[in-house]
Each structure stands twice: as structure tokens, then as C-alpha cells.
Amino acid sequence: GNLTSTGGAATTAYFFYGTSDGGAAWGGWGFTNNIGVSATGLKTNAVSGLNQGTTYYYRFYATNSAGQAWASAASNFTTLAPEMDVLGTNLASIADGDASPTAAKGTDFGEVAVASTKDHIFSITNIGSATLYLTGSPVVAVGGTHAADFSVISQPSPTNVSASDKVTFTVRFTAGATGLREANLSIANSDNDENPYNFNIQGTGTAAATAPVITNSAPTGVVS
């Protein structure tokens, strides 16, 4: 704010802010900071503990022995925030909470012979405006009915993903038995509305091939 006149008396300036416009009333604002007795000129105030991706309103106020004054109107700003997205093997987006694995998204590993393996690479992208932090240990955790059939053989690194950047991780499916094998992935992170980021994966175990069997049979006809 800009204190243009003190009115010739000691003047105290205040900074009011909150997630809604409190108008010209002390009780209408969520937070108040006393800037102190001030001379004329530009007034600044540092605040901390703000929520990510949130719009805040603010208004300056000044008072002295002769009266008080509010800034003419509230102003506002929006804090930066990360936004997490996960891409499958063909760079198709996998929504948080996706419970329907498909080959197109890379979440269905298809058919794999028992004891054989198939690897899929996934990307964690930050399409937001602030750094995304991956906070889990392990970063990508495997759970679900057949969790033992899936493993993260390469965890994402680094675990702080700058805006517009990405990291990758690799999941291996090792068919433990024939039939549908199901699991889920969970990624703890600093995205306000997608923490943890979860989605289902699956694969199908098939019978392993066996060696051919052949035997001799008795000859037919006349042997001379």
C-alpha cells in the first residue's frame, strides 16, 4: 500500500488479508498484521503459511489520533501451486483414481507367461506453477490383490519436480499365476487435491510354453 499522508500525526498502518474480501471492517478479515507507526510512502508486508493455489484478498488500513482510513478497495493475488499428472507408456494421461486399466494408457500389461516379465515406463509430470514434491517412501508404492506380481524397478528421481518438468518410473509385471492379476499404484505428493495419486494396473498370466514331446512308433508295412 501507499501511505500518502499521515495527517501530521503519528500514524499506524495495518495489513488485512484473507480468502474473502472483508470490506472496510476489522472483523471481516481473516488475518491482520500491524506494520507499526509509519511515515508516508510505500508499505509492504511479508506473509507466510498461505495455502497453495488459493486466492487471497488484502487491504491496507491506517489510523492516527484524528481518524482512520482504508485503502480505496481490496486487491487480490493467487498463490502458486503444483498440479500432478501421470502419463502412461504412450503418453496418455492416467487420471487420479482411475480404476479401469487399459492397454492404451499402459496400465494393462496384457498377457505374460507365468514367471515371465514385462516392463512399462510411466511419467510423473508437473503441469502446475510451483514445485511438486513426491513425499512417499517408497515414492511409488504397490498395493492390491496381486501386489506381489508388480514391482517398481526404477523409482522416480529427483523427488522434487519443477513446474513443466517430469520424472519417470518403471513398473515390472511378473505373472505369478494364470488369469487376471490386479494391483494399484499410490504416489504421495504435495498436490492439494490429488494426494495421494492412485490408479489401478493389471496384467494377465498365461500358461508357460512347454517343450514338445515326440516318440517313435512301430513301423508299418513290410520291412526287408
Protein backbone atom coordinates (compact mmCIF):
# COMPACT_ATOMS: atom_id res chain seq x y z
CA GLY A 1 0.00 0.00 0.00
CA ASN A 2 0.98 3.64 -0.29
CA LEU A 3 0.54 5.92 2.72
CA THR A 4 0.21 9.33 1.05
CA SER A 5 -0.38 11.41 4.19
CA THR A 6 -0.05 10.95 7.95
CA GLY A 7 -2.21 13.99 8.66
CA GLY A 8 0.59 15.47 10.72
CA ALA A 9 0.21 12.87 13.48
CA ALA A 10 1.79 9.53 14.36
CA THR A 11 0.13 7.02 12.08
CA THR A 12 -0.05 3.23 12.46
CA ALA A 13 -0.55 1.09 9.38
CA TYR A 14 -2.17 -2.35 9.25
CA PHE A 15 -2.34 -5.07 6.63
CA PHE A 16 -5.57 -7.11 6.46
CA TYR A 17 -5.89 -10.28 4.37
CA GLY A 18 -7.98 -13.43 3.95
CA THR A 19 -9.66 -15.73 1.46
CA SER A 20 -12.61 -13.34 1.05
CA ASP A 21 -12.95 -9.58 0.78
CA GLY A 22 -13.61 -8.32 4.31
CA GLY A 23 -14.52 -4.81 3.18
CA ALA A 24 -13.93 -1.83 5.47
CA ALA A 25 -14.43 -3.75 8.71
CA TRP A 26 -11.83 -5.22 11.05
CA GLY A 27 -13.98 -8.24 11.80
CA GLY A 28 -14.46 -9.07 8.13
CA TRP A 29 -10.86 -10.19 7.59
CA GLY A 30 -9.24 -13.48 8.46
CA PHE A 31 -5.80 -12.10 9.37
CA THR A 32 -4.33 -8.78 10.50
CA ASN A 33 -0.69 -7.66 10.62
CA ASN A 34 0.37 -4.49 12.43
CA ILE A 35 3.02 -2.80 10.28
CA GLY A 36 3.70 -0.21 13.01
CA VAL A 37 4.00 3.56 13.15
CA SER A 38 4.78 4.65 9.62
CA ALA A 39 5.95 7.58 7.60
CA THR A 40 4.49 8.31 4.19
CA GLY A 41 5.50 6.09 1.31
CA LEU A 42 5.19 2.54 0.09
CA LYS A 43 4.17 -0.05 2.69
CA THR A 44 4.97 -3.74 2.30
CA ASN A 45 4.20 -6.76 4.44
CA ALA A 46 5.53 -10.32 4.15
CA VAL A 47 3.12 -13.15 4.97
CA SER A 48 3.72 -16.90 5.29
CA GLY A 49 1.71 -20.06 5.79
CA LEU A 50 -0.50 -19.43 2.77
CA ASN A 51 -2.29 -22.31 1.06
CA GLN A 52 -1.18 -23.29 -2.43
CA GLY A 53 -3.37 -22.36 -5.39
CA THR A 54 -5.58 -20.09 -3.28
CA THR A 55 -6.85 -16.56 -4.00
CA TYR A 56 -6.28 -14.11 -1.14
CA TYR A 57 -7.72 -10.60 -0.77
CA TYR A 58 -5.92 -7.80 1.06
CA ARG A 59 -6.43 -4.19 2.09
CA PHE A 60 -4.30 -1.63 3.92
CA TYR A 61 -5.60 0.49 6.79
CA ALA A 62 -4.11 3.49 8.63
CA THR A 63 -5.13 5.26 11.82
CA ASN A 64 -3.98 8.24 13.90
CA SER A 65 -5.35 10.41 16.67
CA ALA A 66 -7.56 12.31 14.22
CA GLY A 67 -9.20 9.37 12.48
CA GLN A 68 -8.76 6.35 10.24
CA ALA A 69 -8.67 5.42 6.56
CA TRP A 70 -8.94 2.27 4.48
CA ALA A 71 -7.35 1.78 1.08
CA SER A 72 -10.00 2.53 -1.55
CA ALA A 73 -10.63 -1.13 -2.38
CA ALA A 74 -9.30 -4.61 -1.73
CA SER A 75 -6.77 -6.18 -4.07
CA ASN A 76 -6.07 -9.87 -4.54
CA PHE A 77 -3.45 -12.42 -5.59
CA THR A 78 -3.37 -16.18 -6.17
CA THR A 79 -0.60 -18.33 -4.72
CA LEU A 80 1.35 -20.73 -6.92
CA ALA A 81 0.54 -24.45 -6.81
CA PRO A 82 1.80 -27.72 -8.31
CA GLU A 83 -0.50 -29.88 -10.44
CA MET A 84 0.36 -33.55 -10.84
CA ASP A 85 -0.44 -35.73 -13.84
CA VAL A 86 0.74 -39.24 -14.68
CA LEU A 87 1.30 -40.35 -18.27
CA GLY A 88 1.26 -43.95 -19.45
CA THR A 89 3.57 -45.72 -21.87
CA ASN A 90 2.12 -43.91 -24.90
CA LEU A 91 1.94 -40.56 -23.01
CA ALA A 92 -1.81 -40.91 -22.42
CA SER A 93 -2.96 -39.21 -19.21
CA ILE A 94 -3.94 -41.52 -16.34
CA ALA A 95 -6.43 -39.76 -14.05
CA ASP A 96 -6.08 -39.87 -10.29
CA GLY A 97 -8.41 -42.63 -9.08
CA ASP A 98 -8.51 -44.42 -12.45
CA ALA A 99 -9.92 -47.87 -11.70
CA SER A 100 -10.14 -49.15 -15.30
CA PRO A 101 -6.75 -50.25 -16.67
CA THR A 102 -6.37 -50.21 -20.46
CA ALA A 103 -3.64 -51.02 -22.93
CA ALA A 104 -4.00 -47.52 -24.42
CA LYS A 105 -2.97 -45.94 -21.12
CA GLY A 106 -0.30 -48.54 -20.43
CA THR A 107 -1.99 -49.62 -17.21
CA ASP A 108 -2.95 -53.02 -18.67
CA PHE A 109 0.24 -55.01 -19.22
CA GLY A 110 -1.50 -57.59 -21.40
CA GLU A 111 -0.67 -61.28 -21.48
CA VAL A 112 2.56 -62.52 -19.94
CA ALA A 113 3.56 -66.16 -19.48
CA VAL A 114 3.83 -67.28 -15.86
CA ALA A 115 7.27 -66.39 -14.41
CA SER A 116 8.00 -64.10 -17.37
CA THR A 117 8.14 -60.31 -17.12
CA LYS A 118 7.07 -57.13 -18.92
CA ASP A 119 8.14 -53.57 -18.08
CA HIS A 120 6.14 -50.35 -18.55
CA ILE A 121 7.54 -46.83 -18.12
CA PHE A 122 5.34 -44.09 -16.63
CA SER A 123 5.95 -40.34 -16.33
CA ILE A 124 5.02 -38.01 -13.47
CA THR A 125 4.54 -34.50 -14.87
CA ASN A 126 4.04 -31.20 -13.08
CA ILE A 127 1.68 -29.04 -15.14
CA GLY A 128 1.29 -26.51 -12.31
CA SER A 129 3.15 -23.33 -11.38
CA ALA A 130 5.08 -24.42 -8.26
CA THR A 131 7.45 -27.28 -7.45
CA LEU A 132 5.78 -30.67 -6.95
CA TYR A 133 7.21 -32.75 -4.11
CA LEU A 134 6.94 -36.55 -4.13
CA THR A 135 6.81 -37.38 -0.46
CA GLY A 136 6.25 -41.13 -0.13
CA SER A 137 8.68 -43.82 0.96
CA PRO A 138 8.80 -45.61 -1.37
CA VAL A 139 7.86 -42.82 -3.76
CA VAL A 140 5.64 -45.15 -5.81
CA ALA A 141 4.02 -47.82 -3.64
CA VAL A 142 2.36 -51.00 -4.92
CA GLY A 143 -0.74 -52.45 -3.25
CA GLY A 144 -3.80 -54.50 -4.05
CA THR A 145 -4.80 -58.11 -4.51
CA HIS A 146 -1.80 -59.26 -6.54
CA ALA A 147 0.75 -56.67 -5.44
CA ALA A 148 3.46 -59.34 -5.36
CA ASP A 149 3.22 -59.64 -9.16
CA PHE A 150 4.17 -55.98 -9.69
CA SER A 151 7.30 -54.13 -8.64
CA VAL A 152 8.73 -50.66 -9.20
CA ILE A 153 12.19 -51.47 -10.51
CA SER A 154 13.12 -47.81 -11.06
CA GLN A 155 11.71 -45.17 -8.69
CA PRO A 156 11.32 -41.54 -9.86
CA SER A 157 14.29 -39.27 -9.22
CA PRO A 158 14.59 -36.48 -8.24
CA THR A 159 11.57 -36.28 -5.97
CA ASN A 160 11.12 -32.51 -6.40
CA VAL A 161 9.64 -31.83 -9.84
CA SER A 162 9.81 -28.26 -11.12
CA ALA A 163 6.89 -26.67 -12.95
CA SER A 164 6.63 -28.03 -16.53
CA ASP A 165 9.13 -30.81 -15.72
CA LYS A 166 8.73 -34.57 -15.37
CA VAL A 167 10.34 -37.71 -13.91
CA THR A 168 9.83 -41.35 -14.87
CA PHE A 169 9.47 -44.67 -13.10
CA THR A 170 9.35 -48.26 -14.34
CA VAL A 171 6.90 -50.95 -13.23
CA ARG A 172 7.59 -54.64 -13.88
CA PHE A 173 4.82 -57.25 -14.15
CA THR A 174 5.92 -60.78 -13.29
CA ALA A 175 2.98 -63.13 -13.75
CA GLY A 176 2.72 -65.25 -10.63
CA ALA A 177 -0.14 -67.42 -11.89
CA THR A 178 -2.51 -67.72 -14.81
CA GLY A 179 -5.50 -65.42 -15.10
CA LEU A 180 -6.12 -61.74 -14.33
CA ARG A 181 -3.62 -60.21 -11.90
CA GLU A 182 -4.60 -56.86 -10.34
CA ALA A 183 -2.83 -54.21 -8.24
CA ASN A 184 -2.73 -50.47 -7.66
CA LEU A 185 -0.10 -47.73 -7.50
CA SER A 186 -0.09 -44.93 -4.92
CA ILE A 187 2.09 -41.80 -5.09
CA ALA A 188 2.13 -39.41 -2.11
CA ASN A 189 2.77 -35.82 -3.19
CA SER A 190 2.22 -32.10 -2.50
CA ASP A 191 -0.67 -31.57 -4.93
CA ASN A 192 -3.52 -30.15 -2.83
CA ASP A 193 -6.33 -32.17 -4.41
CA GLU A 194 -4.57 -35.30 -5.72
CA ASN A 195 -2.69 -36.63 -2.73
CA PRO A 196 -2.11 -39.50 -2.87
CA TYR A 197 -2.32 -40.04 -6.63
CA ASN A 198 -3.77 -43.55 -7.15
CA PHE A 199 -4.61 -45.74 -10.11
CA ASN A 200 -5.10 -49.42 -10.88
CA ILE A 201 -2.92 -51.67 -13.01
CA GLN A 202 -3.38 -55.21 -14.23
CA GLY A 203 -1.94 -57.98 -16.38
CA THR A 204 -2.94 -61.48 -17.40
CA GLY A 205 -0.83 -64.54 -16.67
CA THR A 206 -0.82 -67.28 -19.30
CA ALA A 207 0.47 -70.84 -19.15
CA ALA A 208 4.15 -71.03 -19.91
CA ALA A 209 5.13 -72.89 -23.05
CA THR A 210 6.50 -76.40 -22.57
CA ALA A 211 8.96 -78.40 -24.61
CA PRO A 212 7.50 -80.55 -27.42
CA VAL A 213 7.02 -84.30 -26.86
CA ILE A 214 7.65 -86.83 -29.63
CA THR A 215 8.06 -90.61 -29.64
CA ASN A 216 8.87 -93.29 -32.18
CA SER A 217 6.09 -95.59 -33.38
CA ALA A 218 6.33 -99.11 -34.74
CA PRO A 219 6.94 -99.35 -38.49
CA THR A 220 4.09 -100.34 -40.76
CA GLY A 221 4.18 -102.35 -43.93
CA VAL A 222 6.93 -104.84 -44.96
CA VAL A 223 10.45 -104.13 -43.92
CA SER A 224 13.08 -106.01 -45.94
